[in-house]
């Protein structure tokens, strides 16, 4: 940034090109990647235009529509716009907006909504610059990861889900920083355990650790501990059934590792448990046979969905309501371990698993659900064993919309005055692009001056290829700390932008601009 402090004008023949670049990259791209999330008996869909639609049982206000009525067709939540992520768990809901703010509504068990519970979205105080959100199932805690890689937790701490080093009764409605979880890019939580993925590909865990099923450390894991045997991880997933925890790690090569406890009611994708001294048998950390080229893992309550690089969907786990979607319905006490391959769907771009419910969005924008669809699909089947198309209130097929080129999610923010400022920006890569070769770009704009942040610092743009901050396989999230306690006085109005493209060198930059996969995330003030 020192180049901007010396001179806010470009004095080269590339000034006109830089000005054109400013105009192009400062024009916002509004589309988001459609997403779906399902809870105990309700669902949320994030449409490509950034709006949120909800339907299902609404007895706790989890639909966000200002009442406790049940809706059997998707209905837009009028108070939510510019949303980039949604989470439905149990009987409550969360949403993350493009400005980095977090909103919650529904059941307030454990203080998860940050207040007294509400039937309309309410902003969670104390959170800013957030790039990712998640929550445990049913009555557990909620989590948010900011652009600096810090994790915040609130809600129930009955099993040390808040990572404080001890358990505590009652609710905790105020988000608190989880010490020891720094460098995070995403969190996945079940009722009693939490996994956090770090930028370096390592996995950190905390919460219930009976028989060392969660983390191979002696005693409890009430504060974050690193799971040493895991490295090169791209995504994590955590779920439970009958208190037994099952945990997944998506490796960079598209394979999936599993570990945890083996409940008699859970199939664990065919993994066999090893007898423990007490409690459920343990599943040793090992790869799941039959799953390759996986791009996305979505854990539910007792079952898990996997999306591969071709958009094909696979599932394993409990199937008591047909939630595996392969046309079978087997009592969970007599299940035979298997990996189900779901037919009849378009290529899947987003998936979600809840409590006996599964849902996906196809590349064509179509939305499908199966399992316990009592309030979620036409006919209200409590045990739908194959995917059912979701219909709108007008009787036409509901669409989540589609984005020709999948976007990413970007965030940024400032702490302190410019005389002593800390600046963070970040990018979350689309599930369609994780692991692919690409480039991540961080730029600063002041008038016609353009700087790009490279591996060795800021570089003035004088034409040609954009200097990249990161090159190679695209990770899930890229947090970038631009400044920490520095003096940037005189740089008021400088705009920071983040984006990424798929490909090598110039082709990645061209693909980013064509897809509109960039955003101005902060203006210095």
Protein backbone atom coordinates (compact mmCIF):
# COMPACT_ATOMS: atom_id res chain seq x y z
CA UNK A 1 0.00 0.00 0.00
CA UNK A 2 2.98 2.31 0.26
CA UNK A 3 2.62 3.02 -3.46
CA UNK A 4 -0.74 4.63 -2.77
CA UNK A 5 0.66 6.66 0.08
CA UNK A 6 3.34 8.07 -2.22
CA UNK A 7 1.13 8.81 -5.21
CA UNK A 8 -2.53 8.27 -5.91
CA UNK A 9 -2.12 8.68 -9.69
CA UNK A 10 -0.59 6.26 -12.16
CA UNK A 11 2.13 8.00 -14.23
CA UNK A 12 2.59 5.34 -16.92
CA UNK A 13 1.15 4.59 -20.34
CA UNK A 14 -1.06 1.98 -18.65
CA UNK A 15 -3.14 4.64 -16.88
CA UNK A 16 -6.02 4.33 -19.34
CA UNK A 17 -6.01 0.54 -19.04
CA UNK A 18 -5.89 0.79 -15.27
CA UNK A 19 -8.85 3.17 -15.30
CA UNK A 20 -10.80 0.72 -17.46
CA UNK A 21 -9.89 -2.07 -15.06
CA UNK A 22 -11.16 0.05 -12.16
CA UNK A 23 -14.46 0.59 -13.95
CA UNK A 24 -14.84 -3.11 -14.70
CA UNK A 25 -13.93 -4.49 -11.29
CA UNK A 26 -15.72 -1.81 -9.28
CA UNK A 27 -19.00 -2.77 -10.95
CA UNK A 28 -20.60 -5.16 -8.43
CA UNK A 29 -21.63 -8.71 -9.31
CA UNK A 30 -24.84 -9.54 -7.46
CA UNK A 31 -25.54 -13.19 -8.27
CA UNK A 32 -24.83 -15.89 -5.69
CA UNK A 33 -24.63 -19.64 -5.94
CA UNK A 34 -28.03 -21.18 -5.09
CA UNK A 35 -28.02 -23.20 -1.85
CA UNK A 36 -30.36 -25.32 0.24
CA UNK A 37 -30.41 -26.21 3.94
CA UNK A 38 -32.88 -28.38 5.87
CA UNK A 39 -33.62 -28.72 9.58
CA UNK A 40 -35.95 -30.99 11.55
CA UNK A 41 -39.04 -30.21 9.47
CA UNK A 42 -38.33 -27.01 7.54
CA UNK A 43 -36.16 -25.92 4.63
CA UNK A 44 -34.43 -22.80 3.35
CA UNK A 45 -33.39 -22.05 -0.22
CA UNK A 46 -31.02 -19.26 -1.17
CA UNK A 47 -31.91 -18.22 -4.71
CA UNK A 48 -29.36 -16.96 -7.22
CA UNK A 49 -30.66 -13.40 -6.73
CA UNK A 50 -29.69 -13.41 -3.01
CA UNK A 51 -33.25 -13.82 -1.68
CA UNK A 52 -34.21 -16.50 0.88
CA UNK A 53 -37.29 -18.71 0.65
CA UNK A 54 -38.60 -20.93 3.45
CA UNK A 55 -41.25 -23.59 3.90
CA UNK A 56 -42.25 -26.48 6.17
CA UNK A 57 -43.28 -26.54 9.83
CA UNK A 58 -43.13 -23.09 11.44
CA UNK A 59 -44.16 -23.69 15.05
CA UNK A 60 -41.03 -22.02 16.48
CA UNK A 61 -40.89 -19.17 13.98
CA UNK A 62 -38.11 -20.93 12.04
CA UNK A 63 -39.57 -19.89 8.68
CA UNK A 64 -38.82 -16.23 9.40
CA UNK A 65 -42.17 -15.06 8.06
CA UNK A 66 -43.45 -13.35 11.21
CA UNK A 67 -45.74 -16.17 12.35
CA UNK A 68 -45.71 -19.77 13.53
CA UNK A 69 -47.83 -21.03 10.64
CA UNK A 70 -46.78 -23.97 8.48
CA UNK A 71 -46.10 -23.32 4.78
CA UNK A 72 -46.16 -26.18 2.28
CA UNK A 73 -44.62 -24.17 -0.56
CA UNK A 74 -41.52 -21.94 -0.62
CA UNK A 75 -42.31 -18.38 0.50
CA UNK A 76 -39.89 -15.47 0.27
CA UNK A 77 -38.66 -13.99 3.57
CA UNK A 78 -39.27 -10.31 2.76
CA UNK A 79 -36.73 -8.86 5.20
CA UNK A 80 -33.72 -10.71 3.78
CA UNK A 81 -31.78 -9.49 0.73
CA UNK A 82 -28.18 -9.86 -0.47
CA UNK A 83 -27.74 -13.18 1.37
CA UNK A 84 -24.80 -15.47 0.55
CA UNK A 85 -25.34 -18.46 2.90
CA UNK A 86 -28.24 -20.05 4.82
CA UNK A 87 -28.34 -22.66 7.61
CA UNK A 88 -31.41 -24.57 8.87
CA UNK A 89 -30.95 -26.70 11.96
CA UNK A 90 -33.57 -28.26 14.23
CA UNK A 91 -36.19 -25.53 14.58
CA UNK A 92 -34.07 -22.44 13.97
CA UNK A 93 -32.36 -20.72 11.06
CA UNK A 94 -29.34 -18.55 10.22
CA UNK A 95 -28.41 -16.34 7.26
CA UNK A 96 -25.16 -14.63 6.27
CA UNK A 97 -25.39 -11.43 4.23
CA UNK A 98 -22.87 -10.15 1.71
CA UNK A 99 -21.90 -7.36 4.13
CA UNK A 100 -20.61 -9.96 6.63
CA UNK A 101 -23.53 -9.67 9.07
CA UNK A 102 -25.30 -12.73 10.58
CA UNK A 103 -29.06 -13.02 11.11
CA UNK A 104 -31.02 -15.61 13.13
CA UNK A 105 -34.61 -16.57 13.89
CA UNK A 106 -36.69 -19.41 15.35
CA UNK A 107 -36.13 -21.56 18.45
CA UNK A 108 -33.73 -19.88 20.88
CA UNK A 109 -32.64 -22.99 22.80
CA UNK A 110 -29.24 -22.28 24.30
CA UNK A 111 -29.41 -18.68 23.10
CA UNK A 112 -28.71 -19.61 19.45
CA UNK A 113 -30.68 -16.69 18.02
CA UNK A 114 -28.73 -14.29 20.22
CA UNK A 115 -31.83 -13.17 22.11
CA UNK A 116 -35.26 -14.42 23.10
CA UNK A 117 -36.21 -16.12 19.86
CA UNK A 118 -38.13 -14.47 17.06
CA UNK A 119 -40.21 -15.33 14.01
CA UNK A 120 -38.40 -12.77 11.84
CA UNK A 121 -34.66 -12.49 11.12
CA UNK A 122 -32.74 -10.46 13.71
CA UNK A 123 -29.08 -9.50 13.44
CA UNK A 124 -26.64 -11.18 15.85
CA UNK A 125 -24.71 -8.47 17.67
CA UNK A 126 -20.94 -8.64 17.98
CA UNK A 127 -20.26 -10.27 14.60
CA UNK A 128 -18.74 -8.56 11.54
CA UNK A 129 -16.69 -9.47 8.46
CA UNK A 130 -18.10 -13.01 8.63
CA UNK A 131 -17.42 -15.31 5.66
CA UNK A 132 -18.96 -18.61 6.84
CA UNK A 133 -21.64 -19.80 9.31
CA UNK A 134 -22.78 -23.16 10.69
CA UNK A 135 -24.67 -24.66 13.62
CA UNK A 136 -25.10 -27.93 15.46
CA UNK A 137 -28.24 -30.01 15.12
CA UNK A 138 -31.31 -29.53 17.30
CA UNK A 139 -30.46 -27.67 20.55
CA UNK A 140 -26.75 -27.13 20.02
CA UNK A 141 -24.52 -24.11 19.36
CA UNK A 142 -23.97 -21.78 16.39
CA UNK A 143 -20.69 -20.70 14.79
CA UNK A 144 -19.30 -17.97 12.55
CA UNK A 145 -15.87 -17.63 10.90
CA UNK A 146 -14.59 -14.19 9.97
CA UNK A 147 -12.28 -13.02 7.19
CA UNK A 148 -9.29 -13.19 9.55
CA UNK A 149 -9.88 -16.90 10.24
CA UNK A 150 -11.26 -16.40 13.75
CA UNK A 151 -14.15 -18.58 15.00
CA UNK A 152 -16.99 -17.23 17.15
CA UNK A 153 -19.43 -19.48 19.01
CA UNK A 154 -22.67 -18.99 20.93
CA UNK A 155 -25.57 -21.12 22.20
CA UNK A 156 -25.44 -24.33 24.22
CA UNK A 157 -22.21 -25.30 25.99
CA UNK A 158 -23.47 -28.48 27.64
CA UNK A 159 -20.74 -30.53 25.91
CA UNK A 160 -18.10 -27.78 25.66
CA UNK A 161 -19.25 -26.84 22.14
CA UNK A 162 -18.12 -23.26 22.71
CA UNK A 163 -14.50 -24.39 23.13
CA UNK A 164 -13.99 -22.57 26.42
CA UNK A 165 -12.21 -25.45 28.13
CA UNK A 166 -15.20 -26.35 30.26
CA UNK A 167 -18.90 -27.09 30.06
CA UNK A 168 -21.55 -24.71 31.37
CA UNK A 169 -25.32 -24.88 31.85
CA UNK A 170 -27.95 -22.60 30.35
CA UNK A 171 -27.73 -20.44 27.27
CA UNK A 172 -24.95 -18.26 25.92
CA UNK A 173 -26.52 -15.73 23.51
CA UNK A 174 -23.39 -13.57 23.07
CA UNK A 175 -20.83 -14.75 20.48
CA UNK A 176 -17.41 -15.40 21.98
CA UNK A 177 -14.05 -15.97 20.34
CA UNK A 178 -12.88 -19.60 20.35
CA UNK A 179 -9.25 -19.50 21.46
CA UNK A 180 -7.06 -22.07 19.72
CA UNK A 181 -9.15 -22.18 16.52
CA UNK A 182 -7.29 -19.43 14.66
CA UNK A 183 -6.66 -19.77 10.94
CA UNK A 184 -10.07 -21.35 10.33
CA UNK A 185 -11.90 -21.35 7.02
CA UNK A 186 -15.03 -23.32 7.99
CA UNK A 187 -16.76 -25.11 10.87
CA UNK A 188 -19.06 -28.14 10.98
CA UNK A 189 -20.89 -29.08 14.18
CA UNK A 190 -23.16 -31.79 15.53
CA UNK A 191 -25.04 -31.71 18.83
CA UNK A 192 -21.97 -32.26 20.98
CA UNK A 193 -18.85 -31.95 18.81
CA UNK A 194 -17.24 -29.38 16.51
CA UNK A 195 -14.74 -29.67 13.64
CA UNK A 196 -12.89 -26.65 12.28
CA UNK A 197 -10.90 -26.69 9.05
CA UNK A 198 -7.77 -24.53 9.01
CA UNK A 199 -6.33 -22.77 5.99
CA UNK A 200 -3.29 -25.05 6.13
CA UNK A 201 -5.50 -28.13 5.64
CA UNK A 202 -5.30 -29.30 9.25
CA UNK A 203 -8.39 -30.10 11.34
CA UNK A 204 -9.12 -28.80 14.83
CA UNK A 205 -11.78 -30.36 17.07
CA UNK A 206 -13.49 -29.70 20.38
CA UNK A 207 -16.51 -30.90 22.36
CA UNK A 208 -17.63 -34.33 23.52
CA UNK A 209 -14.77 -36.85 23.20
CA UNK A 210 -16.02 -40.08 24.74
CA UNK A 211 -13.56 -42.95 24.16
CA UNK A 212 -11.42 -40.47 22.18
CA UNK A 213 -13.87 -40.87 19.30
CA UNK A 214 -13.59 -37.21 18.22
CA UNK A 215 -9.91 -36.52 18.77
CA UNK A 216 -7.08 -38.92 19.68
CA UNK A 217 -6.14 -37.12 22.89
CA UNK A 218 -6.38 -38.33 26.45
CA UNK A 219 -9.37 -37.06 28.36
CA UNK A 220 -11.81 -34.43 27.18
CA UNK A 221 -11.52 -32.05 24.26
CA UNK A 222 -13.26 -29.12 25.91
CA UNK A 223 -10.83 -26.75 24.17
CA UNK A 224 -9.63 -27.00 20.55
CA UNK A 225 -7.07 -29.71 19.75
CA UNK A 226 -5.43 -30.58 16.41
CA UNK A 227 -6.21 -34.00 14.91
CA UNK A 228 -2.62 -34.73 13.95
CA UNK A 229 -3.15 -37.64 11.51
CA UNK A 230 -5.23 -35.45 9.18
CA UNK A 231 -3.65 -33.13 6.61
CA UNK A 232 -4.45 -31.77 3.17
CA UNK A 233 -8.15 -31.54 4.05
CA UNK A 234 -10.55 -29.50 1.88
CA UNK A 235 -13.76 -29.79 3.93
CA UNK A 236 -15.04 -31.31 7.19
CA UNK A 237 -18.42 -32.65 8.33
CA UNK A 238 -19.78 -33.69 11.71
CA UNK A 239 -23.01 -35.49 12.58
CA UNK A 240 -24.52 -37.69 15.28
CA UNK A 241 -27.04 -40.45 15.79
CA UNK A 242 -28.06 -41.62 19.25
CA UNK A 243 -25.17 -39.59 20.74
CA UNK A 244 -22.61 -41.52 18.66
CA UNK A 245 -20.58 -39.04 16.63
CA UNK A 246 -19.41 -39.65 13.07
CA UNK A 247 -16.91 -37.31 11.41
CA UNK A 248 -15.73 -36.85 7.83
CA UNK A 249 -12.79 -35.16 6.12
CA UNK A 250 -12.70 -34.45 2.38
CA UNK A 251 -9.14 -34.78 1.11
CA UNK A 252 -7.63 -32.81 -1.76
CA UNK A 253 -7.68 -35.87 -4.01
CA UNK A 254 -11.47 -36.22 -3.70
CA UNK A 255 -11.42 -39.14 -1.25
CA UNK A 256 -13.25 -39.07 2.09
CA UNK A 257 -11.94 -40.22 5.47
CA UNK A 258 -14.27 -41.16 8.34
CA UNK A 259 -13.80 -41.73 12.06
CA UNK A 260 -15.83 -41.65 15.30
CA UNK A 261 -18.27 -43.98 17.02
CA UNK A 262 -20.43 -46.73 15.50
CA UNK A 263 -24.02 -46.63 16.70
CA UNK A 264 -26.08 -49.77 16.13
CA UNK A 265 -28.49 -47.57 14.17
CA UNK A 266 -25.93 -45.96 11.83
CA UNK A 267 -24.31 -47.52 8.79
CA UNK A 268 -21.23 -45.28 8.62
CA UNK A 269 -20.86 -45.95 4.89
CA UNK A 270 -19.93 -49.56 5.53
CA UNK A 271 -17.20 -48.90 8.08
CA UNK A 272 -16.98 -51.48 10.85
CA UNK A 273 -16.58 -50.47 14.46
CA UNK A 274 -13.83 -51.71 16.75
CA UNK A 275 -14.91 -52.66 20.26
CA UNK A 276 -14.18 -49.95 22.85
CA UNK A 277 -13.71 -50.27 26.58
CA UNK A 278 -17.19 -48.81 27.03
CA UNK A 279 -19.93 -47.23 24.97
CA UNK A 280 -20.25 -47.50 21.18
CA UNK A 281 -17.56 -49.24 19.10
CA UNK A 282 -15.00 -46.93 17.51
CA UNK A 283 -14.35 -46.32 13.82
CA UNK A 284 -10.65 -45.96 13.13
CA UNK A 285 -9.65 -43.10 10.82
CA UNK A 286 -9.87 -44.67 7.37
CA UNK A 287 -11.00 -43.89 3.80
CA UNK A 288 -14.54 -44.67 2.66
CA UNK A 289 -14.38 -47.27 -0.09
CA UNK A 290 -16.47 -46.51 -3.16
CA UNK A 291 -16.42 -42.70 -2.90
CA UNK A 292 -14.09 -40.86 -5.30
CA UNK A 293 -13.82 -37.39 -6.84
CA UNK A 294 -16.05 -35.97 -4.11
CA UNK A 295 -16.52 -32.19 -4.09
CA UNK A 296 -19.06 -31.61 -1.30
CA UNK A 297 -20.08 -33.33 1.96
CA UNK A 298 -23.37 -32.46 3.67
CA UNK A 299 -23.97 -34.09 7.08
CA UNK A 300 -27.45 -34.66 8.49
CA UNK A 301 -28.66 -36.28 11.68
CA UNK A 302 -27.60 -39.86 11.10
CA UNK A 303 -27.09 -39.72 7.33
CA UNK A 304 -24.69 -37.90 5.02
CA UNK A 305 -24.78 -36.77 1.37
CA UNK A 306 -21.81 -36.60 -1.00
CA UNK A 307 -21.66 -34.74 -4.34
CA UNK A 308 -18.97 -35.76 -6.82
CA UNK A 309 -17.22 -33.81 -9.56
CA UNK A 310 -19.88 -34.82 -12.11
CA UNK A 311 -22.73 -33.59 -9.92
CA UNK A 312 -23.81 -37.16 -9.05
CA UNK A 313 -25.23 -37.67 -5.54
CA UNK A 314 -24.33 -40.44 -3.10
CA UNK A 315 -25.57 -41.10 0.44
CA UNK A 316 -25.05 -43.34 3.43
CA UNK A 317 -26.39 -43.66 6.96
CA UNK A 318 -29.78 -44.18 8.54
CA UNK A 319 -32.65 -44.75 6.07
CA UNK A 320 -35.71 -44.99 8.33
CA UNK A 321 -37.66 -42.40 6.30
CA UNK A 322 -36.13 -43.07 2.90
CA UNK A 323 -33.66 -40.19 3.29
CA UNK A 324 -30.99 -42.02 1.28
CA UNK A 325 -33.21 -41.54 -1.77
CA UNK A 326 -32.47 -44.78 -3.60
CA UNK A 327 -36.02 -46.15 -3.50
CA UNK A 328 -35.47 -48.35 -0.45
CA UNK A 329 -36.91 -48.09 3.03
CA UNK A 330 -35.28 -50.26 5.68
CA UNK A 331 -35.82 -50.23 9.43
CA UNK A 332 -32.64 -48.74 10.96
CA UNK A 333 -32.25 -51.60 13.45
CA UNK A 334 -31.75 -54.07 10.57
CA UNK A 335 -29.91 -51.89 8.06
CA UNK A 336 -27.09 -53.32 6.00
CA UNK A 337 -24.25 -50.81 5.51
CA UNK A 338 -24.24 -49.40 2.00
CA UNK A 339 -23.52 -46.36 -0.15
CA UNK A 340 -26.63 -45.32 -2.04
CA UNK A 341 -26.41 -43.74 -5.49
CA UNK A 342 -29.40 -41.50 -6.18
CA UNK A 343 -30.87 -41.61 -9.68
CA UNK A 344 -33.33 -39.32 -11.46
CA UNK A 345 -31.67 -36.01 -10.59
CA UNK A 346 -30.03 -33.39 -12.79
CA UNK A 347 -26.37 -32.64 -11.99
CA UNK A 348 -26.38 -31.42 -8.38
CA UNK A 349 -24.85 -28.04 -7.49
CA UNK A 350 -25.98 -27.90 -3.82
CA UNK A 351 -27.12 -30.51 -1.30
CA UNK A 352 -28.41 -30.58 2.27
CA UNK A 353 -29.17 -33.26 4.86
CA UNK A 354 -31.34 -32.67 7.94
CA UNK A 355 -33.27 -34.82 10.39
CA UNK A 356 -34.53 -37.67 8.17
CA UNK A 357 -34.71 -35.22 5.21
CA UNK A 358 -32.52 -34.69 2.17
CA UNK A 359 -32.63 -31.95 -0.43
CA UNK A 360 -30.69 -30.76 -3.49
CA UNK A 361 -30.62 -28.05 -6.13
CA UNK A 362 -29.93 -29.08 -9.72
CA UNK A 363 -27.80 -27.23 -12.24
CA UNK A 364 -31.05 -26.21 -13.92
CA UNK A 365 -32.28 -24.52 -10.70
CA UNK A 366 -34.74 -27.29 -9.83
CA UNK A 367 -35.24 -28.10 -6.12
CA UNK A 368 -35.84 -31.65 -4.86
CA UNK A 369 -36.52 -33.20 -1.42
CA UNK A 370 -37.07 -36.72 -0.08
CA UNK A 371 -37.33 -38.60 3.20
CA UNK A 372 -39.67 -37.04 5.78
CA UNK A 373 -41.34 -34.58 3.38
CA UNK A 374 -44.58 -34.22 5.35
CA UNK A 375 -44.64 -30.42 5.04
CA UNK A 376 -42.08 -29.96 2.27
CA UNK A 377 -43.39 -31.56 -0.93
CA UNK A 378 -46.67 -32.26 -2.76
CA UNK A 379 -48.55 -35.12 -1.15
CA UNK A 380 -46.88 -34.70 2.24
CA UNK A 381 -45.25 -38.13 2.30
CA UNK A 382 -43.63 -39.00 5.65
CA UNK A 383 -41.40 -41.55 3.92
CA UNK A 384 -40.56 -40.48 0.38
CA UNK A 385 -37.87 -42.88 -0.81
CA UNK A 386 -37.04 -41.07 -4.07
CA UNK A 387 -36.57 -37.36 -4.89
CA UNK A 388 -39.73 -35.25 -5.24
CA UNK A 389 -39.76 -31.94 -7.15
CA UNK A 390 -40.62 -28.93 -4.97
CA UNK A 391 -43.53 -26.90 -6.31
CA UNK A 392 -44.30 -23.23 -5.77
CA UNK A 393 -47.52 -21.83 -4.29
CA UNK A 394 -48.84 -21.28 -7.83
CA UNK A 395 -48.50 -24.96 -8.66
CA UNK A 396 -45.50 -24.46 -10.95
CA UNK A 397 -42.11 -26.02 -10.29
CA UNK A 398 -40.10 -23.87 -7.89
CA UNK A 399 -36.71 -22.71 -9.14
CA UNK A 400 -33.70 -21.58 -7.14
CA UNK A 401 -32.40 -19.86 -10.25
CA UNK A 402 -29.07 -20.63 -11.78
CA UNK A 403 -25.85 -18.78 -12.33
CA UNK A 404 -24.08 -19.44 -15.62
CA UNK A 405 -20.71 -19.22 -13.89
CA UNK A 406 -20.75 -20.18 -10.20
CA UNK A 407 -19.84 -17.19 -8.00
CA UNK A 408 -17.77 -17.12 -4.87
CA UNK A 409 -18.38 -15.30 -1.59
CA UNK A 410 -16.20 -12.36 -0.57
CA UNK A 411 -15.87 -10.26 2.58
CA UNK A 412 -13.68 -7.61 4.15
CA UNK A 413 -13.53 -5.17 7.03
CA UNK A 414 -11.57 -2.73 9.10
CA UNK A 415 -10.75 -2.50 12.80
CA UNK A 416 -9.51 0.79 14.26
CA UNK A 417 -8.76 4.18 12.68
CA UNK A 418 -6.44 4.48 9.68
CA UNK A 419 -3.67 5.72 11.96
CA UNK A 420 -3.59 2.26 13.60
CA UNK A 421 -5.61 -0.01 11.39
CA UNK A 422 -6.16 -3.74 10.95
CA UNK A 423 -7.59 -4.82 7.59
CA UNK A 424 -8.89 -8.26 6.64
CA UNK A 425 -10.40 -9.54 3.41
CA UNK A 426 -11.31 -13.04 2.31
CA UNK A 427 -12.73 -15.28 -0.41
CA UNK A 428 -14.83 -18.45 -0.17
CA UNK A 429 -14.51 -20.62 -3.26
CA UNK A 430 -17.60 -22.20 -4.84
CA UNK A 431 -17.98 -25.94 -4.24
CA UNK A 432 -17.80 -26.34 -8.03
CA UNK A 433 -14.28 -24.91 -8.12
CA UNK A 434 -12.55 -26.22 -5.00
CA UNK A 435 -9.43 -28.18 -5.86
CA UNK A 436 -9.31 -26.88 -9.44
CA UNK A 437 -6.36 -24.86 -10.71
CA UNK A 438 -6.99 -21.14 -10.37
CA UNK A 439 -5.84 -17.76 -9.14
CA UNK A 440 -7.05 -15.59 -6.24
CA UNK A 441 -6.68 -11.82 -6.66
CA UNK A 442 -6.63 -9.01 -4.09
CA UNK A 443 -6.63 -5.44 -5.47
CA UNK A 444 -6.65 -1.87 -4.15
CA UNK A 445 -8.16 1.04 -6.13
CA UNK A 446 -7.62 4.78 -5.66
CA UNK A 447 -8.77 6.84 -8.61
CA UNK A 448 -6.97 5.38 -11.64
CA UNK A 449 -4.29 3.74 -9.49
CA UNK A 450 -4.50 -0.04 -9.21
CA UNK A 451 -2.38 -2.28 -6.98
CA UNK A 452 -2.48 -6.07 -6.74
CA UNK A 453 -1.33 -7.98 -3.68
CA UNK A 454 1.16 -10.66 -4.68
CA UNK A 455 3.05 -13.26 -2.63
CA UNK A 456 5.77 -10.68 -1.89
CA UNK A 457 3.63 -7.60 -1.33
CA UNK A 458 1.77 -4.96 -3.32
CA UNK A 459 2.55 -4.54 -7.03
CA UNK A 460 1.40 -1.56 -9.17
CA UNK A 461 -0.68 -2.70 -12.13
CA UNK A 462 0.85 -1.44 -15.39
CA UNK A 463 -0.98 -3.69 -17.82
CA UNK A 464 -0.84 -7.32 -18.85
CA UNK A 465 -1.63 -10.25 -16.57
CA UNK A 466 -3.04 -9.55 -13.11
CA UNK A 467 -0.57 -10.42 -10.33
CA UNK A 468 -2.14 -13.19 -8.22
CA UNK A 469 -2.15 -13.48 -4.44
CA UNK A 470 -2.56 -17.26 -4.60
CA UNK A 471 -1.90 -19.65 -7.49
CA UNK A 472 -2.63 -23.36 -7.76
CA UNK A 473 -5.38 -25.60 -6.40
CA UNK A 474 -8.22 -23.44 -5.09
CA UNK A 475 -8.95 -24.07 -1.38
CA UNK A 476 -12.32 -23.67 0.28
CA UNK A 477 -11.54 -20.28 1.81
CA UNK A 478 -8.70 -17.76 1.53
CA UNK A 479 -8.47 -15.31 4.46
CA UNK A 480 -6.03 -12.43 3.89
CA UNK A 481 -4.77 -10.03 6.57
CA UNK A 482 -3.71 -6.89 4.72
CA UNK A 483 -2.60 -4.88 7.72
CA UNK A 484 -2.26 -5.27 11.47
CA UNK A 485 -1.76 -2.11 13.53
CA UNK A 486 -0.33 -0.08 10.64
CA UNK A 487 -0.59 3.62 9.83
CA UNK A 488 -2.59 4.11 6.62
CA UNK A 489 -3.46 7.76 7.25
CA UNK A 490 -4.24 9.58 4.02
CA UNK A 491 -5.73 6.54 2.29
CA UNK A 492 -9.38 7.35 2.98
CA UNK A 493 -11.60 6.13 0.16
CA UNK A 494 -9.24 3.43 -1.13
CA UNK A 495 -11.33 0.43 -2.16
CA UNK A 496 -10.30 -3.20 -1.62
CA UNK A 497 -11.56 -5.91 -3.97
CA UNK A 498 -11.26 -9.70 -3.94
CA UNK A 499 -11.94 -12.23 -6.70
CA UNK A 500 -10.83 -15.51 -8.16
CA UNK A 501 -10.74 -17.23 -11.54
CA UNK A 502 -10.36 -20.79 -12.76
CA UNK A 503 -7.40 -21.56 -15.05
CA UNK A 504 -3.77 -20.54 -15.40
CA UNK A 505 -2.37 -17.01 -15.41
CA UNK A 506 -4.20 -14.75 -17.90
CA UNK A 507 -6.96 -17.30 -18.54
CA UNK A 508 -7.90 -17.25 -14.82
CA UNK A 509 -8.21 -13.45 -14.80
CA UNK A 510 -10.32 -13.49 -17.96
CA UNK A 511 -12.57 -16.20 -16.53
CA UNK A 512 -13.00 -14.21 -13.29
CA UNK A 513 -14.05 -11.05 -15.15
CA UNK A 514 -16.37 -12.94 -17.52
CA UNK A 515 -18.07 -14.75 -14.61
CA UNK A 516 -18.32 -11.61 -12.47
CA UNK A 517 -16.62 -13.49 -9.66
CA UNK A 518 -15.22 -10.51 -7.76
CA UNK A 519 -16.45 -7.91 -5.28
CA UNK A 520 -15.40 -4.66 -3.63
CA UNK A 521 -15.38 -5.79 0.00
CA UNK A 522 -14.28 -2.66 1.87
CA UNK A 523 -13.62 1.08 1.52
CA UNK A 524 -10.99 2.52 3.88
CA UNK A 525 -12.39 5.11 6.26
